[in-house]
Protein backbone atom coordinates (compact mmCIF):
# COMPACT_ATOMS: atom_id res chain seq x y z
CA MET A 1 80.29 119.47 75.22
CA ASP A 2 80.40 115.69 75.74
CA VAL A 3 79.00 115.21 72.26
CA PHE A 4 81.87 117.14 70.68
CA ILE A 5 84.45 115.23 72.70
CA ASN A 6 82.91 111.88 71.80
CA LEU A 7 82.67 112.89 68.15
CA PHE A 8 86.33 113.94 68.14
CA HIS A 9 87.41 110.58 69.52
CA GLY A 10 85.10 108.84 67.06
CA MET A 11 86.67 110.78 64.20
CA LEU A 12 90.15 109.67 65.26
CA THR A 13 89.01 106.05 65.32
CA ALA A 14 87.27 106.36 61.95
CA LEU A 15 90.46 107.80 60.43
CA GLU A 16 92.55 104.81 61.45
CA PRO A 17 93.93 103.20 58.28
CA PHE A 18 91.87 100.01 58.47
CA ASN A 19 88.57 101.68 59.33
CA PHE A 20 89.06 104.45 56.78
CA GLY A 21 90.08 101.96 54.10
CA ILE A 22 87.08 99.73 54.69
CA MET A 23 84.79 102.75 54.62
CA LEU A 24 86.21 103.81 51.24
CA THR A 25 85.81 100.25 49.95
CA GLY A 26 82.17 100.20 51.01
CA LEU A 27 81.62 103.63 49.49
CA ALA A 28 83.01 102.52 46.12
CA VAL A 29 80.94 99.32 46.16
CA GLY A 30 77.81 101.32 46.99
CA VAL A 31 78.28 103.93 44.25
CA ILE A 32 78.96 101.28 41.58
CA ALA A 33 76.09 99.02 42.70
CA GLY A 34 73.70 101.96 42.84
CA ALA A 35 74.70 103.13 39.38
CA LEU A 36 74.08 99.73 37.77
CA PRO A 37 70.33 99.35 37.05
CA GLY A 38 68.86 96.26 38.67
CA ILE A 39 71.83 95.57 40.94
CA SER A 40 70.74 97.83 43.84
CA PHE A 41 72.96 98.85 46.73
CA VAL A 42 70.56 97.01 49.09
CA ASN A 43 71.43 93.77 47.28
CA ALA A 44 75.09 94.73 47.56
CA MET A 45 74.67 95.21 51.32
CA ALA A 46 72.93 91.85 51.61
CA MET A 47 75.73 90.13 49.69
CA ALA A 48 78.32 91.93 51.82
CA LEU A 49 76.70 90.85 55.10
CA PRO A 50 78.47 87.43 55.28
CA PHE A 51 81.84 89.17 54.90
CA THR A 52 81.16 91.15 58.07
CA TYR A 53 81.30 87.96 60.15
CA LEU A 54 85.10 88.25 60.21
CA MET A 55 84.98 91.93 61.23
CA THR A 56 84.40 93.64 64.52
CA PRO A 57 80.95 95.19 65.05
CA LEU A 58 82.45 98.64 64.46
CA SER A 59 84.16 97.66 61.20
CA ALA A 60 81.00 95.95 59.98
CA MET A 61 78.92 99.07 60.56
CA VAL A 62 81.54 101.32 58.96
CA PHE A 63 81.67 99.07 55.89
CA LEU A 64 77.89 98.78 55.49
CA GLY A 65 77.46 102.49 56.22
CA GLY A 66 79.81 103.29 53.34
CA ILE A 67 77.79 101.11 50.96
CA TYR A 68 74.59 102.78 52.18
CA ALA A 69 75.80 106.35 51.71
CA GLY A 70 77.36 105.67 48.31
CA GLY A 71 74.53 103.52 46.99
CA VAL A 72 71.79 106.07 47.60
CA PHE A 73 73.67 108.54 45.40
CA GLY A 74 74.95 106.03 42.83
CA GLY A 75 71.56 105.56 41.19
CA SER A 76 71.60 109.19 40.08
CA ILE A 77 74.56 108.65 37.74
CA SER A 78 72.71 106.38 35.32
CA ALA A 79 69.53 108.44 35.82
CA ILE A 80 71.26 111.60 34.62
CA LEU A 81 73.36 110.11 31.83
CA ILE A 82 71.05 107.51 30.24
CA ASN A 83 67.65 108.17 31.87
CA ILE A 84 67.73 104.88 33.76
CA PRO A 85 67.34 105.24 37.56
CA GLY A 86 69.80 102.90 39.23
CA THR A 87 67.60 102.91 42.36
CA PRO A 88 63.91 103.74 42.85
CA ALA A 89 64.86 106.87 44.81
CA SER A 90 66.67 108.19 41.73
CA LEU A 91 63.48 108.25 39.66
CA PRO A 92 62.84 112.00 40.24
CA THR A 93 66.43 112.67 39.17
CA CYS A 94 65.55 111.50 35.64
CA TRP A 95 62.90 114.17 35.21
CA ASP A 96 65.27 117.14 35.16
CA GLY A 97 68.68 115.48 35.15
CA PHE A 98 68.36 113.71 31.80
CA PRO A 99 66.96 116.77 29.97
CA MET A 100 70.10 118.61 31.11
CA THR A 101 72.17 115.82 29.56
CA ARG A 102 70.28 116.18 26.29
CA ARG A 103 71.20 119.87 26.29
CA GLY A 104 74.85 118.96 26.66
CA GLU A 105 74.95 119.83 30.38
CA SER A 106 75.62 116.35 31.77
CA ALA A 107 78.77 117.50 33.56
CA ARG A 108 76.87 120.28 35.31
CA ALA A 109 73.99 117.98 36.17
CA LEU A 110 76.32 115.40 37.71
CA SER A 111 78.24 118.07 39.61
CA LEU A 112 75.06 119.57 41.06
CA ALA A 113 73.77 116.11 41.96
CA ILE A 114 76.99 115.27 43.78
CA ALA A 115 76.96 118.59 45.64
CA ALA A 116 73.29 118.25 46.64
CA SER A 117 73.71 114.64 47.72
CA ALA A 118 76.76 115.46 49.81
CA THR A 119 74.91 118.39 51.42
CA GLY A 120 71.89 116.28 52.31
CA GLY A 121 74.02 113.42 53.58
CA LEU A 122 76.24 115.65 55.72
CA ILE A 123 73.34 117.50 57.33
CA SER A 124 71.51 114.25 58.07
CA ALA A 125 74.70 112.79 59.57
CA LEU A 126 74.98 115.87 61.81
CA LEU A 127 71.32 115.44 62.74
CA LEU A 128 72.05 111.84 63.65
CA THR A 129 75.00 112.91 65.78
CA PHE A 130 73.37 115.70 67.75
CA GLY A 131 69.65 114.96 67.66
CA ALA A 132 69.22 111.19 67.75
CA PRO A 133 67.61 110.72 71.20
CA PRO A 134 64.87 113.40 70.95
CA PHE A 135 64.02 112.50 67.37
CA ALA A 136 63.84 108.83 68.32
CA LYS A 137 60.94 109.63 70.64
CA LEU A 138 59.08 111.10 67.66
CA ALA A 139 59.76 107.98 65.57
CA LEU A 140 58.49 105.82 68.45
CA ALA A 141 55.11 107.56 68.20
CA PHE A 142 54.63 106.27 64.65
CA ASP A 143 52.45 103.23 64.07
CA GLN A 144 50.75 101.70 61.02
CA PRO A 145 48.27 104.61 60.55
CA GLU A 146 51.16 107.09 60.44
CA PHE A 147 53.05 104.91 57.99
CA PHE A 148 49.99 104.82 55.72
CA SER A 149 49.56 108.59 55.94
CA ALA A 150 53.18 109.21 54.98
CA THR A 151 52.92 106.83 52.01
CA PHE A 152 49.63 108.42 50.97
CA LEU A 153 51.35 111.81 50.99
CA GLY A 154 53.92 110.37 48.58
CA LEU A 155 51.16 109.10 46.29
CA VAL A 156 49.21 112.37 46.12
CA SER A 157 52.40 114.28 45.35
CA ILE A 158 52.01 112.99 41.80
CA ILE A 159 49.40 115.71 41.32
CA ALA A 160 52.04 118.35 41.97
CA ILE A 161 54.55 116.57 39.75
CA ALA A 162 52.17 116.37 36.79
CA LYS A 163 53.09 119.13 34.34
CA SER A 164 50.11 119.73 32.09
CA ALA A 165 47.92 116.63 32.26
CA PRO A 166 47.11 115.86 35.91
CA TRP A 167 44.20 113.58 35.06
CA ILE A 168 46.27 111.49 32.68
CA SER A 169 48.96 111.27 35.36
CA MET A 170 46.35 110.07 37.83
CA VAL A 171 45.25 107.35 35.37
CA SER A 172 48.89 106.29 35.02
CA LEU A 173 49.27 106.24 38.81
CA PHE A 174 46.12 104.12 39.18
CA CYS A 175 47.43 101.66 36.57
CA GLY A 176 50.66 101.41 38.55
CA ILE A 177 48.75 100.67 41.76
CA VAL A 178 46.82 97.91 39.95
CA ILE A 179 50.07 96.41 38.61
CA GLY A 180 51.56 96.53 42.10
CA SER A 181 48.52 94.61 43.39
CA VAL A 182 49.19 91.58 41.19
CA GLY A 183 50.16 88.49 43.16
CA VAL A 184 49.17 87.08 46.53
CA ASP A 185 47.23 89.28 48.92
CA PRO A 186 49.60 90.12 51.81
CA LEU A 187 46.89 89.89 54.47
CA TYR A 188 44.65 87.00 53.35
CA GLY A 189 47.12 85.01 51.26
CA LEU A 190 44.82 84.70 48.24
CA PRO A 191 46.00 85.21 44.63
CA ARG A 192 44.55 88.19 42.78
CA LEU A 193 44.85 89.55 39.23
CA THR A 194 47.00 86.55 38.27
CA PHE A 195 44.55 85.25 35.60
CA GLY A 196 45.65 81.71 36.33
CA ILE A 197 49.29 82.41 35.38
CA PRO A 198 51.56 80.80 38.03
CA ALA A 199 54.44 83.22 37.32
CA LEU A 200 52.29 86.17 38.40
CA GLN A 201 51.62 84.72 41.86
CA ASN A 202 54.99 86.08 42.95
CA GLY A 203 53.82 89.56 41.99
CA ILE A 204 55.41 92.09 39.65
CA ASN A 205 58.53 93.58 41.22
CA PHE A 206 58.86 97.35 40.92
CA VAL A 207 62.55 97.09 39.99
CA VAL A 208 61.65 94.91 37.01
CA VAL A 209 58.98 97.42 35.94
CA MET A 210 61.40 100.31 36.34
CA ILE A 211 64.12 98.62 34.28
CA GLY A 212 61.68 97.78 31.51
CA LEU A 213 59.98 101.18 31.29
CA PHE A 214 63.09 103.30 31.52
CA ALA A 215 66.04 101.17 30.38
CA LEU A 216 64.54 99.14 27.55
CA GLY A 217 62.03 101.84 26.65
CA GLU A 218 64.87 104.34 26.36
CA VAL A 219 66.87 101.93 24.16
CA LEU A 220 63.96 101.62 21.74
CA GLU A 221 63.49 105.38 21.75
CA MET A 222 67.22 105.95 21.23
CA LEU A 223 67.50 103.50 18.34
CA GLY A 224 64.49 105.10 16.70
CA GLN A 225 66.30 108.43 16.45
CA SER A 226 69.14 109.38 14.15
CA SER A 227 71.29 110.52 17.07
CA HIS A 228 71.24 109.66 20.74
CA GLY A 229 72.99 112.82 21.81
CA LYS A 230 76.46 111.40 22.24
CA ASP A 231 78.07 114.61 21.03
CA ALA A 232 76.31 116.50 23.79
CA VAL A 233 77.70 114.33 26.55
CA ALA A 234 81.03 113.20 25.17
CA SER A 235 82.83 115.98 26.96
CA ALA A 236 81.35 115.22 30.37
CA LYS A 237 84.36 116.44 32.31
CA LEU A 238 83.25 117.02 35.85
CA LYS A 239 83.93 120.33 37.46
CA LEU A 240 82.56 121.17 40.87
CA PRO A 241 80.30 124.24 40.81
CA SER A 242 81.55 127.41 42.45
CA PHE A 243 80.39 128.51 45.88
CA SER A 244 78.34 131.35 44.42
CA ASP A 245 76.71 128.89 42.03
CA LEU A 246 75.75 126.57 44.87
CA TRP A 247 74.63 129.47 47.03
CA SER A 248 72.10 130.49 44.39
CA LEU A 249 70.59 126.98 44.67
CA LYS A 250 70.70 126.78 48.47
CA GLY A 251 66.89 126.95 48.74
CA PRO A 252 66.10 123.72 46.83
CA ALA A 253 68.99 121.89 48.52
CA LEU A 254 67.97 122.92 52.04
CA ARG A 255 64.27 122.30 51.47
CA GLY A 256 65.05 118.87 50.05
CA THR A 257 67.36 118.14 52.97
CA GLY A 258 64.70 119.10 55.50
CA ILE A 259 62.07 116.93 53.84
CA GLY A 260 64.50 114.02 53.55
CA CYS A 261 65.41 114.22 57.22
CA MET A 262 61.75 114.20 58.29
CA ILE A 263 60.77 111.36 55.96
CA GLY A 264 63.89 109.35 56.78
CA MET A 265 62.98 109.15 60.45
CA ILE A 266 59.69 107.43 59.60
CA PRO A 267 60.36 103.67 59.56
CA GLY A 268 59.37 102.19 56.22
CA ALA A 269 59.06 105.45 54.30
CA GLY A 270 62.54 105.49 52.80
CA ALA A 271 64.42 107.57 50.26
CA THR A 272 61.91 107.11 47.43
CA VAL A 273 59.08 108.79 49.32
CA GLY A 274 61.41 111.58 50.45
CA ALA A 275 62.69 112.27 46.93
CA VAL A 276 59.21 112.29 45.37
CA ILE A 277 57.74 114.59 48.01
CA ALA A 278 60.74 116.93 47.81
CA TYR A 279 60.33 117.18 44.03
CA GLY A 280 56.62 117.91 44.34
CA VAL A 281 57.10 120.57 47.01
CA GLU A 282 59.89 122.24 45.05
CA LYS A 283 57.75 122.31 41.93
CA GLN A 284 55.13 124.27 43.86
CA VAL A 285 57.43 126.78 45.56
CA SER A 286 59.87 127.36 42.70
CA PRO A 287 59.21 130.36 40.43
CA ARG A 288 60.12 128.03 37.54
CA GLY A 289 57.78 125.27 38.67
CA ALA A 290 55.94 125.24 35.34
CA GLU A 291 59.25 124.40 33.61
CA PHE A 292 60.04 121.38 35.79
CA GLY A 293 60.74 118.33 33.66
CA THR A 294 62.67 120.31 31.05
CA GLY A 295 66.03 120.43 32.84
CA VAL A 296 65.55 122.87 35.72
CA GLU A 297 68.41 122.78 38.22
CA ALA A 298 66.16 123.22 41.25
CA GLY A 299 64.20 120.14 40.16
CA LEU A 300 67.44 118.18 40.27
CA MET A 301 68.84 119.56 43.51
CA ALA A 302 65.78 119.03 45.74
CA PRO A 303 65.27 115.25 45.29
CA GLU A 304 69.02 114.62 45.28
CA ALA A 305 69.42 116.34 48.65
CA ALA A 306 66.28 114.65 50.02
CA LYS A 307 67.18 111.06 49.21
CA ASN A 308 70.66 111.32 50.71
CA ALA A 309 69.27 113.16 53.74
CA THR A 310 67.27 110.03 54.56
CA THR A 311 70.45 108.01 55.19
CA GLY A 312 71.46 109.52 58.51
CA ALA A 313 67.84 110.11 59.55
CA ALA A 314 66.95 106.45 58.94
CA MET A 315 69.69 105.40 61.34
CA ILE A 316 68.16 107.38 64.21
CA PRO A 317 65.41 104.84 65.01
CA LEU A 318 67.89 102.02 64.28
CA LEU A 319 70.50 103.01 66.85
CA THR A 320 68.22 104.51 69.51
CA LEU A 321 65.22 102.16 69.34
CA GLY A 322 66.41 99.13 67.38
CA ILE A 323 63.82 99.88 64.67
CA PRO A 324 65.19 99.87 61.10
CA GLY A 325 64.00 102.85 59.07
CA SER A 326 64.67 101.29 55.66
CA ALA A 327 65.72 98.04 54.00
CA ALA A 328 69.36 99.11 54.19
CA THR A 329 69.20 99.82 57.93
CA ALA A 330 67.46 96.46 58.42
CA ILE A 331 70.61 94.80 57.05
CA MET A 332 72.72 96.94 59.37
CA LEU A 333 70.52 95.82 62.27
CA ALA A 334 71.15 92.20 61.25
CA ALA A 335 74.90 92.88 61.30
CA LEU A 336 74.69 94.29 64.82
CA VAL A 337 72.61 91.38 66.09
CA LEU A 338 74.96 88.84 64.51
CA HIS A 339 77.79 90.42 66.48
CA GLY A 340 75.84 90.34 69.72
CA VAL A 341 75.15 94.09 69.84
CA THR A 342 71.64 95.18 70.82
CA PRO A 343 70.66 98.65 69.54
CA GLY A 344 68.73 100.88 71.87
CA PRO A 345 69.12 103.63 74.47
CA LEU A 346 71.64 101.57 76.46
CA LEU A 347 73.93 101.41 73.45
CA PHE A 348 74.80 105.10 73.89
CA ALA A 349 75.77 104.47 77.49
CA THR A 350 77.61 101.15 77.19
CA GLN A 351 79.30 101.51 73.77
CA SER A 352 79.45 105.23 73.11
CA ASP A 353 82.85 104.89 71.42
CA MET A 354 81.39 102.64 68.72
CA VAL A 355 78.29 104.83 68.29
CA TYR A 356 80.24 108.03 67.74
CA THR A 357 82.70 106.30 65.44
CA ILE A 358 79.71 105.27 63.31
CA PHE A 359 78.58 108.90 63.31
CA ALA A 360 82.04 110.10 62.29
CA SER A 361 82.39 107.49 59.55
CA LEU A 362 79.05 108.55 58.06
CA LEU A 363 80.25 112.16 57.99
CA LEU A 364 83.47 111.08 56.28
CA ALA A 365 81.59 108.87 53.82
CA ASN A 366 79.46 111.78 52.63
CA LEU A 367 82.56 113.94 52.20
CA CYS A 368 84.46 111.24 50.32
CA MET A 369 81.37 110.55 48.20
CA ILE A 370 82.24 113.68 46.20
CA GLY A 371 85.40 112.05 44.87
CA ALA A 372 83.96 108.54 44.53
CA GLY A 373 80.84 109.80 42.75
CA ALA A 374 82.91 111.91 40.36
CA ALA A 375 85.17 108.96 39.48
CA VAL A 376 82.29 106.56 38.78
CA ALA A 377 80.35 109.23 36.90
CA ARG A 378 83.37 109.89 34.71
CA GLY A 379 83.54 106.18 33.86
CA PHE A 380 79.84 106.07 32.98
CA SER A 381 80.11 109.17 30.84
CA LEU A 382 82.55 107.31 28.59
CA LEU A 383 79.69 104.98 27.64
CA MET A 384 78.00 107.84 25.87
CA LYS A 385 80.82 108.06 23.33
CA VAL A 386 80.08 104.67 21.80
CA PRO A 387 77.70 104.22 18.83
CA PRO A 388 74.01 103.98 19.73
CA THR A 389 73.72 100.34 18.64
CA VAL A 390 76.62 99.28 20.89
CA LEU A 391 75.32 101.36 23.80
CA GLY A 392 71.83 99.92 23.28
CA ALA A 393 73.17 96.36 23.31
CA PHE A 394 75.09 97.07 26.52
CA ILE A 395 71.98 98.50 28.22
CA VAL A 396 69.81 95.57 27.08
CA ILE A 397 72.28 93.01 28.43
CA LEU A 398 72.62 94.90 31.69
CA SER A 399 68.84 95.21 31.96
CA VAL A 400 68.20 91.51 31.34
CA VAL A 401 70.84 90.48 33.87
CA GLY A 402 69.51 92.99 36.38
CA ALA A 403 65.89 91.87 35.91
CA PHE A 404 66.86 88.22 36.35
CA GLY A 405 69.02 89.00 39.37
CA VAL A 406 66.19 90.68 41.30
CA ARG A 407 64.62 87.33 42.23
CA ASN A 408 66.55 84.82 40.07
CA ASN A 409 63.35 84.31 38.11
CA ILE A 410 63.26 84.02 34.30
CA ALA A 411 59.64 85.24 34.32
CA ASP A 412 60.92 88.64 35.48
CA VAL A 413 62.94 88.90 32.27
CA TYR A 414 59.83 88.45 30.13
CA ILE A 415 57.93 90.94 32.29
CA CYS A 416 60.80 93.40 31.90
CA LEU A 417 60.77 93.01 28.10
CA SER A 418 56.99 93.54 28.05
CA PHE A 419 57.28 96.74 30.04
CA GLY A 420 60.06 97.88 27.71
CA VAL A 421 57.63 97.76 24.79
CA LEU A 422 54.99 99.46 26.94
CA GLY A 423 57.47 102.18 27.92
CA TYR A 424 58.28 102.89 24.28
CA ALA A 425 54.57 103.11 23.44
CA MET A 426 53.94 105.46 26.37
CA ASN A 427 56.76 107.73 25.18
CA ARG A 428 55.38 107.74 21.65
CA PHE A 429 51.91 108.80 22.81
CA ALA A 430 53.14 111.23 25.50
CA PHE A 431 51.61 109.11 28.27
CA PRO A 432 53.57 109.71 31.51
CA SER A 433 55.39 106.63 32.78
CA ALA A 434 56.78 108.05 36.04
CA PRO A 435 53.39 107.99 37.85
CA LEU A 436 52.97 104.34 36.86
CA VAL A 437 56.30 103.43 38.45
CA LEU A 438 55.44 105.38 41.59
CA GLY A 439 52.15 103.52 41.81
CA VAL A 440 53.93 100.17 41.57
CA ILE A 441 56.40 101.21 44.30
CA LEU A 442 54.16 102.99 46.77
CA GLY A 443 50.82 101.28 46.09
CA PRO A 444 51.65 97.97 47.84
CA LEU A 445 53.19 99.88 50.76
CA ALA A 446 50.06 101.98 51.22
CA GLU A 447 47.85 98.91 50.99
CA ARG A 448 49.86 96.98 53.55
CA TYR A 449 49.88 99.84 56.03
CA PHE A 450 46.16 100.48 55.47
CA MET A 451 45.14 96.86 55.96
CA THR A 452 47.35 96.30 59.01
CA SER A 453 46.03 99.52 60.53
CA LEU A 454 42.46 98.25 60.22
CA ALA A 455 43.47 94.83 61.56
CA ASN A 456 45.21 96.35 64.58
CA TYR A 457 42.43 98.83 65.38
CA ASP A 458 39.25 96.76 64.94
CA ASN A 459 38.47 97.96 61.41
CA ASP A 460 38.01 101.51 62.68
CA LEU A 461 38.46 103.86 59.71
CA THR A 462 38.46 106.89 61.98
CA ILE A 463 41.83 105.83 63.43
CA PHE A 464 43.57 107.68 60.60
CA PHE A 465 41.94 110.95 61.69
CA THR A 466 41.84 110.57 65.46
CA ARG A 467 45.57 109.96 65.90
CA PRO A 468 47.22 113.42 65.90
CA ILE A 469 50.29 112.64 63.77
CA SER A 470 48.34 110.66 61.19
CA ALA A 471 45.65 113.35 60.98
CA THR A 472 48.30 116.05 60.57
CA ILE A 473 49.99 114.21 57.69
CA LEU A 474 46.66 113.59 55.96
CA ALA A 475 45.75 117.26 56.39
CA LEU A 476 49.09 118.18 54.81
CA ALA A 477 48.32 115.81 51.94
CA SER A 478 44.93 117.50 51.42
CA LEU A 479 46.51 120.94 51.46
CA PHE A 480 49.15 119.68 49.06
CA VAL A 481 46.46 118.57 46.61
CA LEU A 482 44.58 121.86 46.88
CA TRP A 483 47.83 123.81 46.52
CA ALA A 484 48.73 121.87 43.39
CA LEU A 485 45.28 122.13 41.80
CA THR A 486 44.67 125.80 42.65
CA PRO A 487 46.29 127.21 39.48
CA ASP A 488 44.31 124.81 37.28
CA ILE A 489 41.02 125.51 39.09
CA LYS A 490 41.68 129.27 39.04
CA GLY A 491 42.36 129.16 35.30
CA LYS A 492 39.13 127.30 34.60
CA VAL A 493 37.13 129.75 36.73
CA MET A 494 38.66 132.73 34.93
CA ARG A 495 37.88 131.20 31.53
CA LEU A 496 34.30 130.51 32.63
CA LEU A 497 33.84 134.11 33.82
CA ALA A 498 35.31 135.40 30.56
CA ARG A 499 32.83 133.33 28.55
CA ARG A 500 29.94 134.66 30.58
CA LYS A 501 31.04 138.24 29.98
CA LEU A 502 31.23 137.61 26.26
CA ALA A 503 27.79 136.06 26.32
């Protein structure tokens, strides 16, 4: 009962004009920053951090929380409309969202994405409100081996995502891991795969790769066609789906939400891992799994719900243990520390009013995200009415600025342009580019967790199998691989038996 009373008082405080206004401002900034490729809502949060010096700790958290909630969704707008993920977590959204746009269903795709994102965000915010302390104990049990196991699960999910060429997808994934390894070794500090080129010592940033492969590659593909589909998306007037429509898709949304909540509580895993795993699981359980990648609504709903479900879940270890669960919550931790607030169990006892106001503001942010997302999506849909040459020029300029802004490095622009040409070639020869991007994103994470696990546990490889949580996640990854490969193996066995009968 105390939780409901505290939440009610927190809701009243969050609805005060100043707090509500600053939350809406943060929400708008987050959605716009997330929708612009290369800008990233995390960068927006980092740039907004100095402005929180003049705020109270509560206002700072409400403002940054709004950017966080809106930014995680914002990347889906450009992913659906122009096949350019605004954030890494929006990559799975491209796979079924953009094909819907090509069929002239961009309005429906955006509406479903907004509904799924709001559902995942609201449920995770409720989980944060009512289940933070017990779930924090679970997060505390995670160490480097568990982080590696969770990242490894995200990597092997590519097998389930692969439609008809799993081995080619694995080659693409391996190439991505190699590209992500370029630069200075994180453990020993030695350069590798740089070939004597000083610019490569800083590594190849996954955002730069993603912009090149998807944004510039899509521009080249678009300009090579007689029409870029503007007639199909010109009438992208958003209309929220009916309750019966959403109810028919409750399974993908709830499964994605559950996966996102579990992954979000793991520090370092983040929304990208949650979205990828949710897509892979949904592809296996859906009766239309074989059609994923052609514009299946379930393939859009699951990752959308999952990535937004990580927002509230990632704040559980932040507020209860002082451990940031993602890059965004690390910035929120910095804001708390700068204001002299120490997160942890005592925070719930000494400053419960502020804690429950943060909970309430996150609930409100996910509700208001429906309107903010629709407004920004409507603005982006107008871009699709312009001629392909003008739209292509706009995307190229935005991509170059975004690639340069990642690290203020001109070398990143040249790398981005190179990957644009590579992305076009991969599209021409039907070579999957999504596994490559996932390898660049998750490969360095898996390597870092693997190497630090060995360093912390005396180079004992068995540590991944003797720790219960790590062993459980690895067992799930193995089952996931077998589950995904069973149809292919079964088909080969049946064909072999048929040949023997004919012989």
